[in-house]
Amino acid sequence: MKKLAFLTFLLLGYTVAFAQQAQPVEMADTMRSSGKIYVVIVTIIIIFAGLAIYLFTIDRRLKKIEKNK
């Protein structure tokens, strides 16, 4: 029963996501035409890369601490 309810919830979310694509996104078109979208993409990539590096360093430190105990 839980699986059926979860599947129904996912299908409803899927249909709502596609129903909203009919409207054009003016902000994205404006940013793309002026070249600012690339600045946004590079910023997001830098943030994710920083988070990934931070998580890997924390993981290495934890493995080192666990190995010492």
PDB file of N, CA and C in Angstrom:
ATOM      1  N   MET A   1       0.819  -1.194   0.000  1.00  0.00           N
ATOM      2  CA  MET A   1       0.000   0.000   0.000  1.00  0.00           C
ATOM      3  C   MET A   1       0.866   1.263   0.000  1.00  0.00           C
ATOM      4  N   LYS A   2       1.951   1.214   0.789  1.00  0.00           N
ATOM      5  CA  LYS A   2       2.840   2.365   0.845  1.00  0.00           C
ATOM      6  C   LYS A   2       3.524   2.601  -0.498  1.00  0.00           C
ATOM      7  N   LYS A   3       3.875   1.504  -1.172  1.00  0.00           N
ATOM      8  CA  LYS A   3       4.534   1.641  -2.465  1.00  0.00           C
ATOM      9  C   LYS A   3       3.595   2.265  -3.489  1.00  0.00           C
ATOM     10  N   LEU A   4       2.341   1.882  -3.440  1.00  0.00           N
ATOM     11  CA  LEU A   4       1.359   2.436  -4.369  1.00  0.00           C
ATOM     12  C   LEU A   4       1.150   3.926  -4.115  1.00  0.00           C
ATOM     13  N   ALA A   5       1.067   4.312  -2.853  1.00  0.00           N
ATOM     14  CA  ALA A   5       0.899   5.728  -2.519  1.00  0.00           C
ATOM     15  C   ALA A   5       2.120   6.523  -2.955  1.00  0.00           C
ATOM     16  N   PHE A   6       3.309   5.975  -2.746  1.00  0.00           N
ATOM     17  CA  PHE A   6       4.541   6.650  -3.156  1.00  0.00           C
ATOM     18  C   PHE A   6       4.616   6.791  -4.665  1.00  0.00           C
ATOM     19  N   LEU A   7       4.238   5.750  -5.390  1.00  0.00           N
ATOM     20  CA  LEU A   7       4.243   5.787  -6.843  1.00  0.00           C
ATOM     21  C   LEU A   7       3.249   6.822  -7.362  1.00  0.00           C
ATOM     22  N   THR A   8       2.088   6.897  -6.749  1.00  0.00           N
ATOM     23  CA  THR A   8       1.091   7.898  -7.136  1.00  0.00           C
ATOM     24  C   THR A   8       1.622   9.301  -6.900  1.00  0.00           C
ATOM     25  N   PHE A   9       2.275   9.505  -5.779  1.00  0.00           N
ATOM     26  CA  PHE A   9       2.862  10.813  -5.467  1.00  0.00           C
ATOM     27  C   PHE A   9       3.919  11.193  -6.498  1.00  0.00           C
ATOM     28  N   LEU A  10       4.767  10.246  -6.883  1.00  0.00           N
ATOM     29  CA  LEU A  10       5.795  10.530  -7.875  1.00  0.00           C
ATOM     30  C   LEU A  10       5.192  10.847  -9.242  1.00  0.00           C
ATOM     31  N   LEU A  11       4.157  10.121  -9.627  1.00  0.00           N
ATOM     32  CA  LEU A  11       3.519  10.373 -10.917  1.00  0.00           C
ATOM     33  C   LEU A  11       2.852  11.741 -10.951  1.00  0.00           C
ATOM     34  N   LEU A  12       2.241  12.141  -9.841  1.00  0.00           N
ATOM     35  CA  LEU A  12       1.629  13.468  -9.789  1.00  0.00           C
ATOM     36  C   LEU A  12       2.688  14.559  -9.883  1.00  0.00           C
ATOM     37  N   GLY A  13       3.798  14.368  -9.208  1.00  0.00           N
ATOM     38  CA  GLY A  13       4.895  15.333  -9.291  1.00  0.00           C
ATOM     39  C   GLY A  13       5.473  15.406 -10.689  1.00  0.00           C
ATOM     40  N   TYR A  14       5.530  14.273 -11.360  1.00  0.00           N
ATOM     41  CA  TYR A  14       6.047  14.205 -12.722  1.00  0.00           C
ATOM     42  C   TYR A  14       5.146  14.975 -13.685  1.00  0.00           C
ATOM     43  N   THR A  15       3.841  14.804 -13.558  1.00  0.00           N
ATOM     44  CA  THR A  15       2.921  15.493 -14.462  1.00  0.00           C
ATOM     45  C   THR A  15       2.896  16.993 -14.189  1.00  0.00           C
ATOM     46  N   VAL A  16       3.017  17.389 -12.939  1.00  0.00           N
ATOM     47  CA  VAL A  16       3.037  18.816 -12.619  1.00  0.00           C
ATOM     48  C   VAL A  16       4.289  19.464 -13.184  1.00  0.00           C
ATOM     49  N   ALA A  17       5.413  18.775 -13.140  1.00  0.00           N
ATOM     50  CA  ALA A  17       6.663  19.325 -13.660  1.00  0.00           C
ATOM     51  C   ALA A  17       6.568  19.562 -15.166  1.00  0.00           C
ATOM     52  N   PHE A  18       5.963  18.640 -15.899  1.00  0.00           N
ATOM     53  CA  PHE A  18       5.836  18.831 -17.336  1.00  0.00           C
ATOM     54  C   PHE A  18       4.745  19.829 -17.695  1.00  0.00           C
ATOM     55  N   ALA A  19       3.768  19.999 -16.858  1.00  0.00           N
ATOM     56  CA  ALA A  19       2.702  20.948 -17.139  1.00  0.00           C
ATOM     57  C   ALA A  19       3.209  22.378 -17.051  1.00  0.00           C
ATOM     58  N   GLN A  20       4.259  22.611 -16.299  1.00  0.00           N
ATOM     59  CA  GLN A  20       4.764  23.965 -16.122  1.00  0.00           C
ATOM     60  C   GLN A  20       5.764  24.367 -17.194  1.00  0.00           C
ATOM     61  N   GLN A  21       6.153  23.488 -18.082  1.00  0.00           N
ATOM     62  CA  GLN A  21       7.140  23.825 -19.094  1.00  0.00           C
ATOM     63  C   GLN A  21       6.560  24.580 -20.282  1.00  0.00           C
ATOM     64  N   ALA A  22       5.276  24.766 -20.339  1.00  0.00           N
ATOM     65  CA  ALA A  22       4.663  25.433 -21.479  1.00  0.00           C
ATOM     66  C   ALA A  22       4.984  26.926 -21.501  1.00  0.00           C
ATOM     67  N   GLN A  23       5.260  27.509 -20.348  1.00  0.00           N
ATOM     68  CA  GLN A  23       5.547  28.933 -20.284  1.00  0.00           C
ATOM     69  C   GLN A  23       7.046  29.168 -20.472  1.00  0.00           C
ATOM     70  N   PRO A  24       7.415  30.113 -21.343  1.00  0.00           N
ATOM     71  CA  PRO A  24       8.842  30.404 -21.512  1.00  0.00           C
ATOM     72  C   PRO A  24       9.397  31.143 -20.292  1.00  0.00           C
ATOM     73  N   VAL A  25      10.646  30.888 -20.005  1.00  0.00           N
ATOM     74  CA  VAL A  25      11.291  31.543 -18.875  1.00  0.00           C
ATOM     75  C   VAL A  25      12.051  32.753 -19.409  1.00  0.00           C
ATOM     76  N   GLU A  26      11.527  33.925 -19.132  1.00  0.00           N
ATOM     77  CA  GLU A  26      12.109  35.147 -19.685  1.00  0.00           C
ATOM     78  C   GLU A  26      13.462  35.464 -19.069  1.00  0.00           C
ATOM     79  N   MET A  27      13.617  35.190 -17.764  1.00  0.00           N
ATOM     80  CA  MET A  27      14.872  35.504 -17.102  1.00  0.00           C
ATOM     81  C   MET A  27      16.019  34.700 -17.708  1.00  0.00           C
ATOM     82  N   ALA A  28      15.787  33.424 -17.984  1.00  0.00           N
ATOM     83  CA  ALA A  28      16.836  32.582 -18.567  1.00  0.00           C
ATOM     84  C   ALA A  28      17.202  33.069 -19.965  1.00  0.00           C
ATOM     85  N   ASP A  29      16.211  33.467 -20.741  1.00  0.00           N
ATOM     86  CA  ASP A  29      16.500  33.968 -22.080  1.00  0.00           C
ATOM     87  C   ASP A  29      17.300  35.254 -22.024  1.00  0.00           C
ATOM     88  N   THR A  30      16.944  36.126 -21.084  1.00  0.00           N
ATOM     89  CA  THR A  30      17.659  37.393 -20.941  1.00  0.00           C
ATOM     90  C   THR A  30      19.096  37.152 -20.503  1.00  0.00           C
ATOM     91  N   MET A  31      19.295  36.274 -19.531  1.00  0.00           N
ATOM     92  CA  MET A  31      20.643  35.989 -19.049  1.00  0.00           C
ATOM     93  C   MET A  31      21.477  35.286 -20.108  1.00  0.00           C
ATOM     94  N   ARG A  32      20.847  34.421 -20.885  1.00  0.00           N
ATOM     95  CA  ARG A  32      21.569  33.717 -21.942  1.00  0.00           C
ATOM     96  C   ARG A  32      21.985  34.684 -23.041  1.00  0.00           C
ATOM     97  N   SER A  33      21.110  35.618 -23.397  1.00  0.00           N
ATOM     98  CA  SER A  33      21.430  36.550 -24.478  1.00  0.00           C
ATOM     99  C   SER A  33      22.523  37.530 -24.085  1.00  0.00           C
ATOM    100  N   SER A  34      22.598  37.882 -22.787  1.00  0.00           N
ATOM    101  CA  SER A  34      23.637  38.816 -22.362  1.00  0.00           C
ATOM    102  C   SER A  34      24.909  38.109 -21.911  1.00  0.00           C
ATOM    103  N   GLY A  35      24.908  36.785 -21.850  1.00  0.00           N
ATOM    104  CA  GLY A  35      26.093  36.028 -21.484  1.00  0.00           C
ATOM    105  C   GLY A  35      26.279  35.851 -19.993  1.00  0.00           C
ATOM    106  N   LYS A  36      25.337  36.308 -19.181  1.00  0.00           N
ATOM    107  CA  LYS A  36      25.470  36.201 -17.732  1.00  0.00           C
ATOM    108  C   LYS A  36      25.170  34.799 -17.218  1.00  0.00           C
ATOM    109  N   ILE A  37      24.511  33.988 -18.015  1.00  0.00           N
ATOM    110  CA  ILE A  37      24.179  32.634 -17.584  1.00  0.00           C
ATOM    111  C   ILE A  37      25.448  31.822 -17.352  1.00  0.00           C
ATOM    112  N   TYR A  38      26.506  32.128 -18.093  1.00  0.00           N
ATOM    113  CA  TYR A  38      27.767  31.413 -17.923  1.00  0.00           C
ATOM    114  C   TYR A  38      28.410  31.751 -16.584  1.00  0.00           C
ATOM    115  N   VAL A  39      28.234  32.979 -16.127  1.00  0.00           N
ATOM    116  CA  VAL A  39      28.745  33.371 -14.810  1.00  0.00           C
ATOM    117  C   VAL A  39      28.008  32.592 -13.727  1.00  0.00           C
ATOM    118  N   VAL A  40      26.714  32.440 -13.873  1.00  0.00           N
ATOM    119  CA  VAL A  40      25.919  31.689 -12.904  1.00  0.00           C
ATOM    120  C   VAL A  40      26.356  30.223 -12.885  1.00  0.00           C
ATOM    121  N   ILE A  41      26.543  29.631 -14.046  1.00  0.00           N
ATOM    122  CA  ILE A  41      26.949  28.227 -14.135  1.00  0.00           C
ATOM    123  C   ILE A  41      28.325  28.024 -13.515  1.00  0.00           C
ATOM    124  N   VAL A  42      29.270  28.906 -13.807  1.00  0.00           N
ATOM    125  CA  VAL A  42      30.618  28.790 -13.242  1.00  0.00           C
ATOM    126  C   VAL A  42      30.571  28.942 -11.727  1.00  0.00           C
ATOM    127  N   THR A  43      29.750  29.849 -11.225  1.00  0.00           N
ATOM    128  CA  THR A  43      29.623  30.030  -9.780  1.00  0.00           C
ATOM    129  C   THR A  43      29.073  28.776  -9.113  1.00  0.00           C
ATOM    130  N   ILE A  44      28.069  28.173  -9.707  1.00  0.00           N
ATOM    131  CA  ILE A  44      27.495  26.945  -9.152  1.00  0.00           C
ATOM    132  C   ILE A  44      28.524  25.815  -9.175  1.00  0.00           C
ATOM    133  N   ILE A  45      29.290  25.711 -10.251  1.00  0.00           N
ATOM    134  CA  ILE A  45      30.322  24.674 -10.341  1.00  0.00           C
ATOM    135  C   ILE A  45      31.386  24.876  -9.277  1.00  0.00           C
ATOM    136  N   ILE A  46      31.793  26.121  -9.041  1.00  0.00           N
ATOM    137  CA  ILE A  46      32.800  26.406  -8.015  1.00  0.00           C
ATOM    138  C   ILE A  46      32.278  26.039  -6.634  1.00  0.00           C
ATOM    139  N   ILE A  47      31.027  26.366  -6.363  1.00  0.00           N
ATOM    140  CA  ILE A  47      30.443  26.039  -5.054  1.00  0.00           C
ATOM    141  C   ILE A  47      30.393  24.521  -4.855  1.00  0.00           C
ATOM    142  N   PHE A  48      29.918  23.778  -5.858  1.00  0.00           N
ATOM    143  CA  PHE A  48      29.849  22.322  -5.733  1.00  0.00           C
ATOM    144  C   PHE A  48      31.233  21.694  -5.626  1.00  0.00           C
ATOM    145  N   ALA A  49      32.198  22.218  -6.363  1.00  0.00           N
ATOM    146  CA  ALA A  49      33.565  21.689  -6.272  1.00  0.00           C
ATOM    147  C   ALA A  49      34.134  21.941  -4.878  1.00  0.00           C
ATOM    148  N   GLY A  50      33.885  23.124  -4.335  1.00  0.00           N
ATOM    149  CA  GLY A  50      34.346  23.423  -2.978  1.00  0.00           C
ATOM    150  C   GLY A  50      33.719  22.509  -1.950  1.00  0.00           C
ATOM    151  N   LEU A  51      32.436  22.259  -2.073  1.00  0.00           N
ATOM    152  CA  LEU A  51      31.765  21.337  -1.153  1.00  0.00           C
ATOM    153  C   LEU A  51      32.318  19.916  -1.281  1.00  0.00           C
ATOM    154  N   ALA A  52      32.567  19.477  -2.498  1.00  0.00           N
ATOM    155  CA  ALA A  52      33.101  18.132  -2.709  1.00  0.00           C
ATOM    156  C   ALA A  52      34.491  18.005  -2.094  1.00  0.00           C
ATOM    157  N   ILE A  53      35.335  18.993  -2.305  1.00  0.00           N
ATOM    158  CA  ILE A  53      36.683  18.967  -1.724  1.00  0.00           C
ATOM    159  C   ILE A  53      36.598  18.962  -0.201  1.00  0.00           C
ATOM    160  N   TYR A  54      35.716  19.785   0.347  1.00  0.00           N
ATOM    161  CA  TYR A  54      35.545  19.840   1.797  1.00  0.00           C
ATOM    162  C   TYR A  54      35.087  18.498   2.361  1.00  0.00           C
ATOM    163  N   LEU A  55      34.140  17.856   1.696  1.00  0.00           N
ATOM    164  CA  LEU A  55      33.653  16.565   2.162  1.00  0.00           C
ATOM    165  C   LEU A  55      34.725  15.478   2.063  1.00  0.00           C
ATOM    166  N   PHE A  56      35.514  15.495   1.004  1.00  0.00           N
ATOM    167  CA  PHE A  56      36.578  14.502   0.878  1.00  0.00           C
ATOM    168  C   PHE A  56      37.653  14.695   1.952  1.00  0.00           C
ATOM    169  N   THR A  57      37.975  15.949   2.274  1.00  0.00           N
ATOM    170  CA  THR A  57      38.973  16.167   3.325  1.00  0.00           C
ATOM    171  C   THR A  57      38.442  15.726   4.685  1.00  0.00           C
ATOM    172  N   ILE A  58      37.183  15.989   4.954  1.00  0.00           N
ATOM    173  CA  ILE A  58      36.585  15.524   6.209  1.00  0.00           C
ATOM    174  C   ILE A  58      36.592  13.999   6.264  1.00  0.00           C
ATOM    175  N   ASP A  59      36.283  13.357   5.145  1.00  0.00           N
ATOM    176  CA  ASP A  59      36.278  11.895   5.101  1.00  0.00           C
ATOM    177  C   ASP A  59      37.672  11.341   5.376  1.00  0.00           C
ATOM    178  N   ARG A  60      38.688  11.951   4.780  1.00  0.00           N
ATOM    179  CA  ARG A  60      40.062  11.499   5.023  1.00  0.00           C
ATOM    180  C   ARG A  60      40.448  11.663   6.486  1.00  0.00           C
ATOM    181  N   ARG A  61      40.072  12.783   7.089  1.00  0.00           N
ATOM    182  CA  ARG A  61      40.382  13.015   8.501  1.00  0.00           C
ATOM    183  C   ARG A  61      39.684  11.986   9.391  1.00  0.00           C
ATOM    184  N   LEU A  62      38.419  11.704   9.085  1.00  0.00           N
ATOM    185  CA  LEU A  62      37.694  10.714   9.882  1.00  0.00           C
ATOM    186  C   LEU A  62      38.297   9.328   9.739  1.00  0.00           C
ATOM    187  N   LYS A  63      38.701   8.953   8.548  1.00  0.00           N
ATOM    188  CA  LYS A  63      39.335   7.652   8.354  1.00  0.00           C
ATOM    189  C   LYS A  63      40.637   7.582   9.141  1.00  0.00           C
ATOM    190  N   LYS A  64      41.389   8.676   9.157  1.00  0.00           N
ATOM    191  CA  LYS A  64      42.640   8.711   9.903  1.00  0.00           C
ATOM    192  C   LYS A  64      42.389   8.569  11.405  1.00  0.00           C
ATOM    193  N   ILE A  65      41.372   9.251  11.917  1.00  0.00           N
ATOM    194  CA  ILE A  65      41.028   9.162  13.342  1.00  0.00           C
ATOM    195  C   ILE A  65      40.545   7.760  13.684  1.00  0.00           C
ATOM    196  N   GLU A  66      39.702   7.172  12.840  1.00  0.00           N
ATOM    197  CA  GLU A  66      39.205   5.823  13.088  1.00  0.00           C
ATOM    198  C   GLU A  66      40.335   4.799  13.037  1.00  0.00           C
ATOM    199  N   LYS A  67      41.292   5.008  12.178  1.00  0.00           N
ATOM    200  CA  LYS A  67      42.404   4.085  12.071  1.00  0.00           C
ATOM    201  C   LYS A  67      43.281   4.130  13.323  1.00  0.00           C
ATOM    202  N   ASN A  68      43.425   5.307  13.916  1.00  0.00           N
ATOM    203  CA  ASN A  68      44.248   5.459  15.118  1.00  0.00           C
ATOM    204  C   ASN A  68      43.592   4.819  16.339  1.00  0.00           C
ATOM    205  N   LYS A  69      42.298   4.736  16.355  1.00  0.00           N
ATOM    206  CA  LYS A  69      41.607   4.152  17.522  1.00  0.00           C
ATOM    207  C   LYS A  69      41.565   2.716  17.410  1.00  0.00           C
TER     208      LYS A  69
END
